[in-house]
Every structure is written in C-alpha cells, then in structure tokens.
Amino acid sequence: MWNTGHSKEQDTAVQTQLQDAYLAQWTGFAPLPRLLAAWSLAEVLGAVHHALSYWQIVANLEPHSRNQLEKWLTWWLRRVLTLVANLEVNDGG
C-alpha cells in the first residue's frame, strides 16, 4: 500500500521484524502462536474498520468529490478479502 522506496521483500521483512518485536512483549500473557493468530484477526478487523470508514465518507460526499476516495474504499475491501483468504489458508481451511 505505502511506497517506502524499498522492495516488497524488504518491506515485508521490516514488517515481520516489527511484528515479532511487538508480540515478544506479550508472550507473558499468551504463547506466540496464539498472539500471531490474534494479530491476523486484528489485521482483518482493522481493514474492515477502514473500509467502513471510507464507505461512510464516500456515501456522504458530493458526487463530484467521490472519485478520489472511492479507490481507497475499493483498496480496503480488497485488503479485507486478501486477509480473510490468508486466514483460511493459514488455518488449514
């Protein structure tokens, strides 16, 4: 989504490092596999939240003002579908 100037592989590696560092702080409360599952669900919920927010914003704009934000609504809806598909794959579904 964001252009950081790095390759997709570099961005993924950095995201994984940040995620691991963050979740390591929570291993006293739950084992890492459970935290990773919670993370995956939180990603879906975050994307749903963004999609609903953009839907509300777009629905209340004047028609001539919608074009710029409609693409983000579509982007977030696609992100939800991708994340849900990844949940099913990772869950063995």
C-alpha atoms as a PDB file:
ATOM      1  CA  MET A   1       0.000   0.000   0.000  1.00  0.00           C
ATOM      2  CA  TRP A   2       2.617   2.546   1.006  1.00  0.00           C
ATOM      3  CA  ASN A   3       5.593   3.309  -1.174  1.00  0.00           C
ATOM      4  CA  THR A   4       8.593   3.277   1.136  1.00  0.00           C
ATOM      5  CA  GLY A   5      11.158   3.227  -1.637  1.00  0.00           C
ATOM      6  CA  HIS A   6      12.129  -0.330  -0.708  1.00  0.00           C
ATOM      7  CA  SER A   7      11.332  -3.581  -2.429  1.00  0.00           C
ATOM      8  CA  LYS A   8       8.256  -5.515  -1.369  1.00  0.00           C
ATOM      9  CA  GLU A   9      10.559  -8.143   0.166  1.00  0.00           C
ATOM     10  CA  GLN A  10      12.394  -5.504   2.221  1.00  0.00           C
ATOM     11  CA  ASP A  11       9.096  -4.023   3.417  1.00  0.00           C
ATOM     12  CA  THR A  12       7.793  -7.482   4.359  1.00  0.00           C
ATOM     13  CA  ALA A  13      10.996  -8.245   6.259  1.00  0.00           C
ATOM     14  CA  VAL A  14      10.771  -4.980   8.192  1.00  0.00           C
ATOM     15  CA  GLN A  15       7.078  -5.552   8.954  1.00  0.00           C
ATOM     16  CA  THR A  16       7.864  -9.056  10.229  1.00  0.00           C
ATOM     17  CA  GLN A  17      10.669  -7.746  12.432  1.00  0.00           C
ATOM     18  CA  LEU A  18       8.405  -5.079  13.922  1.00  0.00           C
ATOM     19  CA  GLN A  19       5.583  -7.567  14.454  1.00  0.00           C
ATOM     20  CA  ASP A  20       7.924 -10.058  16.155  1.00  0.00           C
ATOM     21  CA  ALA A  21       9.385  -7.375  18.404  1.00  0.00           C
ATOM     22  CA  TYR A  22       5.922  -6.139  19.376  1.00  0.00           C
ATOM     23  CA  LEU A  23       4.469  -9.587  20.036  1.00  0.00           C
ATOM     24  CA  ALA A  24       7.530 -10.666  22.034  1.00  0.00           C
ATOM     25  CA  GLN A  25       6.424  -8.175  24.688  1.00  0.00           C
ATOM     26  CA  TRP A  26       3.130 -10.083  25.093  1.00  0.00           C
ATOM     27  CA  THR A  27       4.431 -13.648  25.416  1.00  0.00           C
ATOM     28  CA  GLY A  28       3.977 -13.476  29.177  1.00  0.00           C
ATOM     29  CA  PHE A  29       0.224 -13.309  28.574  1.00  0.00           C
ATOM     30  CA  ALA A  30      -0.184 -15.826  25.766  1.00  0.00           C
ATOM     31  CA  PRO A  31       2.003 -18.144  23.697  1.00  0.00           C
ATOM     32  CA  LEU A  32       3.379 -16.756  20.429  1.00  0.00           C
ATOM     33  CA  PRO A  33       1.157 -18.896  18.136  1.00  0.00           C
ATOM     34  CA  ARG A  34      -1.936 -17.526  19.859  1.00  0.00           C
ATOM     35  CA  LEU A  35      -0.617 -13.977  19.624  1.00  0.00           C
ATOM     36  CA  LEU A  36       0.070 -14.451  15.914  1.00  0.00           C
ATOM     37  CA  ALA A  37      -3.497 -15.685  15.420  1.00  0.00           C
ATOM     38  CA  ALA A  38      -4.827 -12.650  17.308  1.00  0.00           C
ATOM     39  CA  TRP A  39      -2.612 -10.401  15.155  1.00  0.00           C
ATOM     40  CA  SER A  40      -4.082 -11.901  11.985  1.00  0.00           C
ATOM     41  CA  LEU A  41      -7.624 -11.313  13.214  1.00  0.00           C
ATOM     42  CA  ALA A  42      -6.755  -7.770  14.259  1.00  0.00           C
ATOM     43  CA  GLU A  43      -5.428  -7.074  10.757  1.00  0.00           C
ATOM     44  CA  VAL A  44      -8.765  -8.161   9.287  1.00  0.00           C
ATOM     45  CA  LEU A  45     -10.740  -6.067  11.760  1.00  0.00           C
ATOM     46  CA  GLY A  46      -8.541  -3.045  11.088  1.00  0.00           C
ATOM     47  CA  ALA A  47      -9.101  -3.379   7.350  1.00  0.00           C
ATOM     48  CA  VAL A  48     -12.868  -3.762   7.886  1.00  0.00           C
ATOM     49  CA  HIS A  49     -12.816  -0.607  10.009  1.00  0.00           C
ATOM     50  CA  HIS A  50     -11.020   1.331   7.272  1.00  0.00           C
ATOM     51  CA  ALA A  51     -13.379   0.018   4.581  1.00  0.00           C
ATOM     52  CA  LEU A  52     -16.436   1.018   6.616  1.00  0.00           C
ATOM     53  CA  SER A  53     -14.947   4.434   7.322  1.00  0.00           C
ATOM     54  CA  TYR A  54     -14.277   5.081   3.645  1.00  0.00           C
ATOM     55  CA  TRP A  55     -17.724   3.780   2.730  1.00  0.00           C
ATOM     56  CA  GLN A  56     -19.325   6.288   5.128  1.00  0.00           C
ATOM     57  CA  ILE A  57     -17.155   9.122   3.902  1.00  0.00           C
ATOM     58  CA  VAL A  58     -17.787   8.362   0.225  1.00  0.00           C
ATOM     59  CA  ALA A  59     -21.521   7.922   0.804  1.00  0.00           C
ATOM     60  CA  ASN A  60     -21.740  11.422   2.261  1.00  0.00           C
ATOM     61  CA  LEU A  61     -19.678  13.279  -0.322  1.00  0.00           C
ATOM     62  CA  GLU A  62     -20.983  15.219  -3.238  1.00  0.00           C
ATOM     63  CA  PRO A  63     -20.847  13.043  -6.376  1.00  0.00           C
ATOM     64  CA  HIS A  64     -18.109  15.164  -7.996  1.00  0.00           C
ATOM     65  CA  SER A  65     -15.904  14.680  -4.920  1.00  0.00           C
ATOM     66  CA  ARG A  66     -16.157  10.876  -4.653  1.00  0.00           C
ATOM     67  CA  ASN A  67     -13.664   9.733  -7.282  1.00  0.00           C
ATOM     68  CA  GLN A  68     -10.556  10.322  -5.214  1.00  0.00           C
ATOM     69  CA  LEU A  69     -11.775   8.395  -2.170  1.00  0.00           C
ATOM     70  CA  GLU A  70     -13.683   5.615  -3.920  1.00  0.00           C
ATOM     71  CA  LYS A  71     -10.409   3.986  -4.924  1.00  0.00           C
ATOM     72  CA  TRP A  72      -9.435   3.710  -1.265  1.00  0.00           C
ATOM     73  CA  LEU A  73     -12.762   2.098  -0.400  1.00  0.00           C
ATOM     74  CA  THR A  74     -12.078  -0.475  -3.105  1.00  0.00           C
ATOM     75  CA  TRP A  75      -8.500  -0.919  -1.908  1.00  0.00           C
ATOM     76  CA  TRP A  76      -9.593  -1.616   1.684  1.00  0.00           C
ATOM     77  CA  LEU A  77     -12.318  -4.023   0.592  1.00  0.00           C
ATOM     78  CA  ARG A  78      -9.762  -5.946  -1.458  1.00  0.00           C
ATOM     79  CA  ARG A  79      -7.421  -5.917   1.532  1.00  0.00           C
ATOM     80  CA  VAL A  80     -10.174  -7.447   3.696  1.00  0.00           C
ATOM     81  CA  LEU A  81     -10.696 -10.217   1.140  1.00  0.00           C
ATOM     82  CA  THR A  82      -6.955 -10.889   0.897  1.00  0.00           C
ATOM     83  CA  LEU A  83      -6.519 -11.034   4.650  1.00  0.00           C
ATOM     84  CA  VAL A  84      -9.526 -13.332   5.088  1.00  0.00           C
ATOM     85  CA  ALA A  85      -8.207 -15.635   2.356  1.00  0.00           C
ATOM     86  CA  ASN A  86      -4.841 -15.727   4.126  1.00  0.00           C
ATOM     87  CA  LEU A  87      -6.583 -16.592   7.401  1.00  0.00           C
ATOM     88  CA  GLU A  88      -8.282 -19.549   5.760  1.00  0.00           C
ATOM     89  CA  VAL A  89      -5.021 -20.746   4.179  1.00  0.00           C
ATOM     90  CA  ASN A  90      -3.043 -20.399   7.397  1.00  0.00           C
ATOM     91  CA  ASP A  91      -5.836 -22.055   9.356  1.00  0.00           C
ATOM     92  CA  GLY A  92      -5.856 -25.050   7.064  1.00  0.00           C
ATOM     93  CA  GLY A  93      -9.260 -24.052   5.568  1.00  0.00           C
END
